Amino acid sequence: MDVTSLGIAYGTAYARTRHWLRAHPLAPDGALAVTVLVCMVIGSFANPHRGQGGPTFSTEPPSALSLLLMAVAAAALVLRRRAPRPVLLCTSAVTVLELVTGDPPAPVVFSAVIALYTVAARTDRPTTWRIGFATMAVLTAVAMIFSTGPWYSQENLAIFAWTGMASAAGDAVRSRRAFIDAIRERAERAERTREEEARRRVAEERLRIARDLHDVVAHHIALVNVQAGVAAHVMDKRPDQAKEALAHVREASRSALNELRATVGLLRQSGDPEAPTEPAPGLAHLEGLLDTFRNAGLPVEYVSDGDVELPAAVDLAAYRIIQEALTNSQKHAGAGARAEVSVVRVGPTVEITVLDDGEGTAEPTQGGGHGLLGMRERVTALGGSLTAGPRYGGGFRTQAILPVKAKGKPRATAEARPATGTGGCRAGETV
């Protein structure tokens, strides 16, 4: 059998033994009681005075009362962990009785020392020192008073030393056990925190990808739907216009596939050669986005105070907010509507406003959607604010105010509550 097999066998046996001892706590305490009784009986034969060659042992057995007291004290130790204080009181009383009646007294105090250690290991420090001092004072005083030798004899001082060391040792064991328990609890808490953080990050990543997929699909499918309707309407009478509409359908579907491929590619492992490397869409690509709406029949005017340089997260959010707001205008504003887009830098923030003058209903669409909810989540994740609702006199207005330096933390939970008409509907909402 090699060393590894021996180690495994030893570990298995140790684990089984430890489990059995925990399931039968009286067994080790019973063995300890028997050992203490044997030691006390052997110690009762020792001569308290040293001979020339060291300690001497007499052949005279202890008295029947001493044997009885030693047996009672040892038997009490069987229950030392179930009832530590009553056991200490019992062993101390038996020790006092032996110190008063024994001549010379048997070492019954040994059981009281073990009981005092058990109490100190299972209670708090102030209680340990109060009980320890009281036990030490009582036993030492009784020994000094009823001793046949001088009060300062080594037997009396030994009682004082052993009871003090028992209190100190028990307190040290208790402190050590509490320290280990605290470390274990801290490690378990840290492990739970890591798991919760991992789950939270996974949920946030899934939400972000779902939001991007919604923005891409909602925008391009809306354009495909409009152009396909135009093509079907003019197919017979104006085939040239139908071909132009189908070309826009093909272009929109190609763009949708490209953006879907880029979004899904984010799920690839880092270092994958097939992972997308092109930059994420932002305000630099806004003109191309506006042209797709213009080609779909929604006139869009764009106003900006020049090139606005934004962090990548804010730039992407601004692009997606404009895309979703114009998609809602395309779907709900009605025929003949016009839209306006403005991007203005105001101090430490950038204001993005999308207006339309359509006559679309303010009632939620059948089944609802996630357009406004997605915009709200993007804005709150960056620490900004969003206002969306019908305009006075007709039309719809969407305005987002984003900090130029993204905070990266969502605001209060109240801002994340979905309002009436979440999604791609025209219900009013303020965040």
Protein backbone atom coordinates (compact mmCIF):
# COMPACT_ATOMS: atom_id res chain seq x y z
CA MET A 1 0.00 0.00 0.00
CA ASP A 2 1.51 3.36 -1.02
CA VAL A 3 1.64 6.56 0.98
CA THR A 4 -1.38 8.06 -0.76
CA SER A 5 -3.57 5.07 0.06
CA LEU A 6 -2.41 5.17 3.67
CA GLY A 7 -3.25 8.87 3.88
CA ILE A 8 -6.72 8.32 2.43
CA ALA A 9 -7.38 5.42 4.79
CA TYR A 10 -6.18 7.45 7.78
CA GLY A 11 -8.34 10.43 6.78
CA THR A 12 -11.39 8.22 6.37
CA ALA A 13 -10.87 6.56 9.74
CA TYR A 14 -10.31 9.92 11.42
CA ALA A 15 -13.50 11.34 9.91
CA ARG A 16 -15.53 8.31 11.01
CA THR A 17 -14.11 8.48 14.53
CA ARG A 18 -14.83 12.18 14.80
CA HIS A 19 -18.38 11.70 13.55
CA TRP A 20 -18.95 8.89 16.07
CA LEU A 21 -17.61 10.97 18.94
CA ARG A 22 -19.92 13.84 18.01
CA ALA A 23 -22.87 11.44 17.89
CA HIS A 24 -21.93 9.95 21.31
CA PRO A 25 -20.58 12.84 23.46
CA LEU A 26 -20.83 10.85 26.70
CA ALA A 27 -18.31 8.28 25.47
CA PRO A 28 -15.19 10.53 25.58
CA ASP A 29 -16.37 12.12 28.82
CA GLY A 30 -16.83 8.64 30.33
CA ALA A 31 -13.31 7.68 29.27
CA LEU A 32 -12.00 10.91 30.78
CA ALA A 33 -13.82 10.18 34.04
CA VAL A 34 -12.25 6.72 34.25
CA THR A 35 -8.79 8.16 33.54
CA VAL A 36 -9.22 10.86 36.20
CA LEU A 37 -10.37 8.27 38.73
CA VAL A 38 -7.31 6.10 38.05
CA CYS A 39 -5.01 9.10 38.38
CA MET A 40 -6.61 10.20 41.65
CA VAL A 41 -6.34 6.71 43.13
CA ILE A 42 -2.67 6.44 42.13
CA GLY A 43 -2.04 9.95 43.43
CA SER A 44 -3.56 9.07 46.81
CA PHE A 45 -0.65 6.65 47.42
CA ALA A 46 1.94 9.39 46.91
CA ASN A 47 3.71 10.78 49.94
CA PRO A 48 3.28 14.54 49.92
CA HIS A 49 6.80 14.97 51.30
CA ARG A 50 9.82 14.28 49.13
CA GLY A 51 12.31 11.65 50.12
CA GLN A 52 16.00 11.90 49.46
CA GLY A 53 15.60 10.21 46.07
CA GLY A 54 12.39 12.00 45.09
CA PRO A 55 8.68 11.35 45.75
CA THR A 56 7.81 8.25 47.71
CA PHE A 57 4.70 6.10 47.58
CA SER A 58 3.14 4.45 50.61
CA THR A 59 1.47 1.06 50.65
CA GLU A 60 -1.39 2.20 52.85
CA PRO A 61 -4.58 2.47 50.74
CA PRO A 62 -6.83 5.54 50.99
CA SER A 63 -9.80 5.43 53.29
CA ALA A 64 -13.19 4.21 52.16
CA LEU A 65 -14.56 7.76 52.37
CA SER A 66 -11.77 9.06 50.15
CA LEU A 67 -12.41 6.31 47.59
CA LEU A 68 -16.13 7.14 47.63
CA LEU A 69 -15.46 10.85 47.19
CA MET A 70 -13.05 10.17 44.33
CA ALA A 71 -15.62 7.96 42.60
CA VAL A 72 -18.38 10.57 43.01
CA ALA A 73 -16.14 13.36 41.67
CA ALA A 74 -15.03 11.26 38.69
CA ALA A 75 -18.61 10.18 37.91
CA ALA A 76 -19.73 13.81 37.91
CA LEU A 77 -17.27 14.55 35.08
CA VAL A 78 -19.33 12.37 32.72
CA LEU A 79 -21.87 15.24 32.59
CA ARG A 80 -19.33 18.06 32.48
CA ARG A 81 -20.34 19.29 28.99
CA ARG A 82 -24.08 18.92 29.52
CA ALA A 83 -24.15 20.69 32.90
CA PRO A 84 -20.75 22.36 33.45
CA ARG A 85 -21.70 24.59 36.39
CA PRO A 86 -23.53 21.94 38.45
CA VAL A 87 -20.61 19.57 37.82
CA LEU A 88 -18.17 22.25 39.04
CA LEU A 89 -20.28 22.83 42.14
CA CYS A 90 -20.43 19.08 42.84
CA THR A 91 -16.69 18.46 42.37
CA SER A 92 -15.82 21.55 44.43
CA ALA A 93 -18.06 20.39 47.28
CA VAL A 94 -16.53 16.90 47.17
CA THR A 95 -13.05 18.45 47.15
CA VAL A 96 -13.85 20.62 50.22
CA LEU A 97 -15.20 17.57 52.01
CA GLU A 98 -12.03 15.62 51.23
CA LEU A 99 -9.79 18.51 52.32
CA VAL A 100 -11.64 18.66 55.66
CA THR A 101 -11.85 14.92 56.41
CA GLY A 102 -8.88 13.37 54.59
CA ASP A 103 -5.60 12.80 56.44
CA PRO A 104 -3.73 13.15 54.25
CA PRO A 105 -6.34 14.30 51.69
CA ALA A 106 -6.62 12.47 48.37
CA PRO A 107 -6.14 14.52 45.17
CA VAL A 108 -9.90 14.95 44.56
CA VAL A 109 -9.16 18.56 43.57
CA PHE A 110 -8.04 17.19 40.20
CA SER A 111 -11.71 16.66 39.22
CA ALA A 112 -12.57 20.24 40.27
CA VAL A 113 -9.73 21.56 38.08
CA ILE A 114 -11.14 19.77 35.01
CA ALA A 115 -14.68 20.96 35.79
CA LEU A 116 -13.42 24.55 36.15
CA TYR A 117 -11.66 24.28 32.77
CA THR A 118 -14.91 23.09 31.18
CA VAL A 119 -16.86 26.04 32.60
CA ALA A 120 -14.22 28.51 31.43
CA ALA A 121 -14.25 27.02 27.92
CA ARG A 122 -18.05 27.34 27.65
CA THR A 123 -18.86 30.76 29.08
CA ASP A 124 -17.79 34.38 28.61
CA ARG A 125 -14.64 35.90 30.04
CA PRO A 126 -16.15 37.92 32.92
CA THR A 127 -18.10 34.90 34.13
CA THR A 128 -14.99 32.74 33.79
CA TRP A 129 -12.92 34.99 36.03
CA ARG A 130 -15.67 35.42 38.61
CA ILE A 131 -16.27 31.68 38.92
CA GLY A 132 -12.56 30.89 38.65
CA PHE A 133 -11.59 33.36 41.37
CA ALA A 134 -14.34 32.11 43.68
CA THR A 135 -13.36 28.47 43.17
CA MET A 136 -9.67 29.19 43.60
CA ALA A 137 -10.23 31.26 46.76
CA VAL A 138 -12.55 28.73 48.42
CA LEU A 139 -10.47 25.65 47.70
CA THR A 140 -7.16 27.32 48.59
CA ALA A 141 -8.56 28.78 51.83
CA VAL A 142 -10.02 25.45 52.95
CA ALA A 143 -6.75 23.69 52.15
CA MET A 144 -4.72 26.23 54.13
CA ILE A 145 -7.08 26.13 57.10
CA PHE A 146 -7.40 22.36 57.45
CA SER A 147 -3.91 21.41 56.31
CA THR A 148 -1.81 19.43 58.80
CA GLY A 149 1.29 21.22 57.60
CA PRO A 150 2.08 24.92 57.27
CA TRP A 151 -0.38 27.06 55.29
CA TYR A 152 2.25 27.84 52.67
CA SER A 153 2.99 24.18 51.92
CA GLN A 154 3.40 23.14 48.29
CA GLU A 155 0.15 21.16 48.33
CA ASN A 156 -1.86 24.28 49.17
CA LEU A 157 -0.03 26.45 46.65
CA ALA A 158 -0.52 23.72 44.02
CA ILE A 159 -4.31 24.01 44.44
CA PHE A 160 -4.03 27.77 43.92
CA ALA A 161 -1.87 27.33 40.80
CA TRP A 162 -3.90 24.54 39.19
CA THR A 163 -7.26 26.28 39.58
CA GLY A 164 -5.81 29.51 38.15
CA MET A 165 -4.27 27.68 35.19
CA ALA A 166 -7.55 25.84 34.55
CA SER A 167 -9.43 29.13 34.29
CA ALA A 168 -6.79 30.63 31.98
CA ALA A 169 -6.59 27.54 29.77
CA GLY A 170 -10.38 27.31 29.41
CA ASP A 171 -10.64 31.00 28.52
CA ALA A 172 -7.88 30.62 25.93
CA VAL A 173 -9.62 27.62 24.33
CA ARG A 174 -12.92 29.51 24.24
CA SER A 175 -11.26 32.53 22.60
CA ARG A 176 -9.54 30.32 20.07
CA ARG A 177 -12.79 28.54 19.23
CA ALA A 178 -14.62 31.87 18.83
CA PHE A 179 -11.84 33.17 16.58
CA ILE A 180 -12.01 30.10 14.33
CA ASP A 181 -15.81 30.31 14.18
CA ALA A 182 -15.58 33.98 13.20
CA ILE A 183 -13.11 33.18 10.42
CA ARG A 184 -15.32 30.36 9.16
CA GLU A 185 -18.41 32.57 9.22
CA ARG A 186 -16.55 35.34 7.41
CA ALA A 187 -15.38 32.91 4.75
CA GLU A 188 -18.91 31.53 4.29
CA ARG A 189 -20.30 35.07 4.08
CA ALA A 190 -17.66 36.01 1.52
CA GLU A 191 -18.51 32.91 -0.52
CA ARG A 192 -22.22 33.78 -0.44
CA THR A 193 -21.40 37.35 -1.43
CA ARG A 194 -19.30 36.14 -4.37
CA GLU A 195 -22.11 33.87 -5.53
CA GLU A 196 -24.69 36.64 -5.22
CA GLU A 197 -22.40 39.06 -7.07
CA ALA A 198 -21.85 36.51 -9.83
CA ARG A 199 -25.60 35.94 -10.17
CA ARG A 200 -26.20 39.70 -10.20
CA ARG A 201 -23.60 40.24 -12.92
CA VAL A 202 -25.06 37.41 -15.00
CA ALA A 203 -28.55 38.91 -14.65
CA GLU A 204 -27.29 42.36 -15.61
CA GLU A 205 -25.46 40.97 -18.64
CA ARG A 206 -28.52 39.03 -19.77
CA LEU A 207 -30.66 42.15 -19.34
CA ARG A 208 -28.18 44.25 -21.32
CA ILE A 209 -28.02 41.76 -24.19
CA ALA A 210 -31.81 41.39 -24.20
CA ARG A 211 -32.15 45.18 -24.30
CA ASP A 212 -29.75 45.47 -27.23
CA LEU A 213 -31.52 42.66 -29.09
CA HIS A 214 -34.85 44.38 -28.55
CA ASP A 215 -33.53 47.71 -29.84
CA VAL A 216 -32.06 46.11 -32.96
CA VAL A 217 -35.06 43.92 -33.75
CA ALA A 218 -37.72 46.54 -32.97
CA HIS A 219 -36.07 49.18 -35.13
CA HIS A 220 -35.27 47.12 -38.20
CA ILE A 221 -38.42 44.97 -38.16
CA ALA A 222 -40.53 48.13 -37.92
CA LEU A 223 -38.78 49.52 -40.99
CA VAL A 224 -39.14 46.21 -42.84
CA ASN A 225 -42.84 46.15 -42.00
CA VAL A 226 -43.39 49.68 -43.31
CA GLN A 227 -41.43 49.15 -46.53
CA ALA A 228 -43.06 45.79 -47.15
CA GLY A 229 -46.47 47.42 -46.79
CA VAL A 230 -45.49 50.12 -49.27
CA ALA A 231 -44.21 47.53 -51.73
CA ALA A 232 -47.40 45.50 -51.48
CA HIS A 233 -49.52 48.63 -51.97
CA VAL A 234 -47.77 49.90 -55.11
CA MET A 235 -46.65 46.60 -56.61
CA ASP A 236 -49.17 46.64 -59.46
CA LYS A 237 -49.41 50.36 -60.26
CA ARG A 238 -45.86 51.59 -59.56
CA PRO A 239 -43.40 48.70 -59.79
CA ASP A 240 -40.38 51.03 -59.68
CA GLN A 241 -41.41 52.37 -56.30
CA ALA A 242 -42.11 48.81 -55.13
CA LYS A 243 -38.60 47.78 -56.15
CA GLU A 244 -37.19 50.74 -54.22
CA ALA A 245 -39.19 49.72 -51.15
CA LEU A 246 -37.97 46.14 -51.44
CA ALA A 247 -34.41 47.42 -51.72
CA HIS A 248 -34.93 49.27 -48.42
CA VAL A 249 -36.33 46.04 -46.96
CA ARG A 250 -33.21 44.19 -48.05
CA GLU A 251 -30.96 46.91 -46.61
CA ALA A 252 -32.83 46.99 -43.30
CA SER A 253 -32.75 43.22 -42.97
CA ARG A 254 -29.02 43.18 -43.77
CA SER A 255 -28.39 45.82 -41.11
CA ALA A 256 -30.49 43.86 -38.62
CA LEU A 257 -28.50 40.69 -39.28
CA ASN A 258 -25.20 42.55 -38.90
CA GLU A 259 -26.22 44.11 -35.59
CA LEU A 260 -27.62 40.83 -34.32
CA ARG A 261 -24.37 39.12 -35.24
CA ALA A 262 -22.40 41.78 -33.38
CA THR A 263 -24.65 41.59 -30.31
CA VAL A 264 -24.64 37.79 -30.13
CA GLY A 265 -20.89 37.86 -30.71
CA LEU A 266 -20.50 39.52 -27.32
CA LEU A 267 -21.26 36.12 -25.81
CA ARG A 268 -18.09 34.64 -27.27
CA GLN A 269 -15.06 33.96 -25.14
CA SER A 270 -12.36 36.60 -25.04
CA GLY A 271 -9.66 35.89 -27.59
CA ASP A 272 -12.06 34.14 -29.98
CA PRO A 273 -10.90 35.07 -33.51
CA GLU A 274 -14.54 35.19 -34.64
CA ALA A 275 -15.55 37.67 -31.96
CA PRO A 276 -16.67 41.06 -33.34
CA THR A 277 -14.05 43.80 -33.34
CA GLU A 278 -16.00 46.68 -34.88
CA PRO A 279 -16.92 49.56 -32.54
CA ALA A 280 -20.36 49.76 -30.98
CA PRO A 281 -22.83 52.16 -32.65
CA GLY A 282 -22.82 55.72 -31.36
CA LEU A 283 -23.62 59.29 -32.37
CA ALA A 284 -20.96 59.07 -35.08
CA HIS A 285 -23.29 56.63 -36.88
CA LEU A 286 -26.43 58.68 -36.25
CA GLU A 287 -26.80 60.05 -39.79
CA GLY A 288 -26.99 56.54 -41.20
CA LEU A 289 -29.67 55.68 -38.66
CA LEU A 290 -31.70 58.79 -39.53
CA ASP A 291 -31.48 57.96 -43.23
CA THR A 292 -33.15 54.60 -42.62
CA PHE A 293 -36.15 56.38 -41.10
CA ARG A 294 -36.22 58.95 -43.88
CA ASN A 295 -36.22 56.16 -46.44
CA ALA A 296 -39.12 54.57 -44.55
CA GLY A 297 -41.20 57.74 -44.93
CA LEU A 298 -40.56 59.52 -41.63
CA PRO A 299 -38.97 62.95 -42.20
CA VAL A 300 -36.38 63.55 -39.50
CA GLU A 301 -34.54 66.77 -38.73
CA TYR A 302 -31.33 66.59 -36.72
CA VAL A 303 -29.91 69.44 -34.65
CA SER A 304 -26.64 69.32 -32.73
CA ASP A 305 -24.27 71.86 -31.25
CA GLY A 306 -21.30 70.21 -32.94
CA ASP A 307 -19.34 67.06 -32.32
CA VAL A 308 -20.23 65.84 -28.84
CA GLU A 309 -17.57 63.53 -27.46
CA LEU A 310 -19.08 61.09 -25.00
CA PRO A 311 -17.84 58.04 -23.09
CA ALA A 312 -18.53 54.76 -24.86
CA ALA A 313 -21.39 53.75 -22.53
CA VAL A 314 -23.12 57.14 -22.80
CA ASP A 315 -22.55 57.26 -26.56
CA LEU A 316 -24.16 53.85 -27.06
CA ALA A 317 -27.07 54.74 -24.76
CA ALA A 318 -27.70 57.99 -26.65
CA TYR A 319 -27.74 56.14 -29.97
CA ARG A 320 -30.13 53.46 -28.68
CA ILE A 321 -32.48 56.02 -27.09
CA ILE A 322 -32.77 57.94 -30.37
CA GLN A 323 -33.24 54.70 -32.27
CA GLU A 324 -36.03 53.48 -29.98
CA ALA A 325 -37.77 56.87 -29.81
CA LEU A 326 -37.83 57.19 -33.61
CA THR A 327 -39.02 53.58 -33.92
CA ASN A 328 -41.95 54.44 -31.63
CA SER A 329 -42.68 57.50 -33.77
CA GLN A 330 -42.54 55.36 -36.90
CA LYS A 331 -45.00 52.87 -35.45
CA HIS A 332 -47.38 55.16 -33.56
CA ALA A 333 -47.20 58.72 -34.88
CA GLY A 334 -49.33 57.99 -37.94
CA ALA A 335 -49.08 59.06 -41.56
CA GLY A 336 -47.64 62.46 -42.37
CA ALA A 337 -45.83 62.83 -39.06
CA ARG A 338 -42.46 64.54 -38.79
CA ALA A 339 -39.74 64.04 -36.18
CA GLU A 340 -36.99 66.18 -34.72
CA VAL A 341 -33.84 64.99 -32.96
CA SER A 342 -31.53 67.24 -30.95
CA VAL A 343 -28.35 66.45 -29.08
CA VAL A 344 -27.07 69.32 -26.93
CA ARG A 345 -24.25 69.48 -24.40
CA VAL A 346 -25.37 71.29 -21.22
CA GLY A 347 -22.62 71.56 -18.66
CA PRO A 348 -21.72 68.12 -17.30
CA THR A 349 -24.68 66.50 -19.08
CA VAL A 350 -25.92 65.86 -22.60
CA GLU A 351 -29.60 66.33 -23.44
CA ILE A 352 -31.16 64.11 -26.08
CA THR A 353 -34.62 65.13 -27.27
CA VAL A 354 -36.83 63.36 -29.83
CA LEU A 355 -40.10 65.03 -30.86
CA ASP A 356 -42.81 64.14 -33.32
CA ASP A 357 -46.04 65.89 -34.33
CA GLY A 358 -48.04 62.76 -35.03
CA GLU A 359 -51.59 62.05 -33.97
CA GLY A 360 -50.95 58.56 -32.57
CA THR A 361 -52.98 57.29 -29.66
CA ALA A 362 -51.69 57.50 -26.12
CA GLU A 363 -53.18 54.13 -25.27
CA PRO A 364 -50.87 51.11 -24.85
CA THR A 365 -50.54 48.86 -27.85
CA GLN A 366 -51.96 45.37 -27.71
CA GLY A 367 -49.61 43.26 -25.63
CA GLY A 368 -47.26 46.16 -24.90
CA GLY A 369 -43.51 46.04 -25.41
CA HIS A 370 -40.25 46.94 -23.77
CA GLY A 371 -39.12 50.08 -25.59
CA LEU A 372 -39.66 52.69 -22.88
CA LEU A 373 -38.60 50.20 -20.23
CA GLY A 374 -35.34 49.56 -22.08
CA MET A 375 -34.67 53.30 -22.44
CA ARG A 376 -35.38 53.84 -18.74
CA GLU A 377 -33.01 51.05 -17.75
CA ARG A 378 -30.23 52.49 -19.91
CA VAL A 379 -30.68 55.95 -18.43
CA THR A 380 -30.90 54.89 -14.79
CA ALA A 381 -27.86 52.62 -15.20
CA LEU A 382 -25.84 55.73 -16.14
CA GLY A 383 -27.32 57.93 -13.40
CA GLY A 384 -29.41 60.10 -15.73
CA SER A 385 -33.11 60.91 -16.09
CA LEU A 386 -35.73 60.19 -18.74
CA THR A 387 -39.02 61.94 -19.57
CA ALA A 388 -41.42 60.48 -22.12
CA GLY A 389 -45.00 61.47 -22.76
CA PRO A 390 -47.51 63.19 -25.05
CA ARG A 391 -46.82 66.80 -26.04
CA TYR A 392 -49.26 69.59 -25.40
CA GLY A 393 -51.11 70.15 -28.65
CA GLY A 394 -50.31 66.72 -30.10
CA GLY A 395 -47.35 64.53 -30.74
CA PHE A 396 -44.92 62.78 -28.45
CA ARG A 397 -41.76 63.90 -26.68
CA THR A 398 -38.87 61.82 -25.36
CA GLN A 399 -36.04 63.52 -23.51
CA ALA A 400 -33.04 61.90 -21.81
CA ILE A 401 -30.46 63.73 -19.74
CA LEU A 402 -27.25 61.73 -19.39
CA PRO A 403 -24.11 62.62 -17.42
CA VAL A 404 -21.05 62.92 -19.60
CA LYS A 405 -19.15 60.87 -17.01
CA ALA A 406 -21.24 57.75 -16.47
CA LYS A 407 -21.74 56.96 -12.81
CA GLY A 408 -22.18 53.26 -13.48
CA LYS A 409 -24.67 52.76 -10.66
CA PRO A 410 -28.45 52.72 -10.89
CA ARG A 411 -30.39 55.21 -8.86
CA ALA A 412 -33.05 54.42 -6.34
CA THR A 413 -35.19 51.40 -6.89
CA ALA A 414 -38.24 53.65 -7.30
CA GLU A 415 -36.81 54.82 -10.63
CA ALA A 416 -36.75 51.25 -11.91
CA ARG A 417 -40.48 50.67 -11.41
CA PRO A 418 -42.27 50.24 -14.71
CA ALA A 419 -44.92 52.88 -15.31
CA THR A 420 -48.17 52.49 -17.16
CA GLY A 421 -47.60 51.58 -20.75
CA THR A 422 -44.06 50.27 -20.59
CA GLY A 423 -42.52 49.20 -23.82
CA GLY A 424 -43.03 50.47 -27.27
CA CYS A 425 -46.31 52.21 -26.45
CA ARG A 426 -47.18 55.91 -26.34
CA ALA A 427 -48.13 56.12 -22.67
CA GLY A 428 -46.69 59.06 -20.75
CA GLU A 429 -43.77 58.37 -18.38
CA THR A 430 -41.30 60.36 -16.34
CA VAL A 431 -38.18 58.89 -14.76
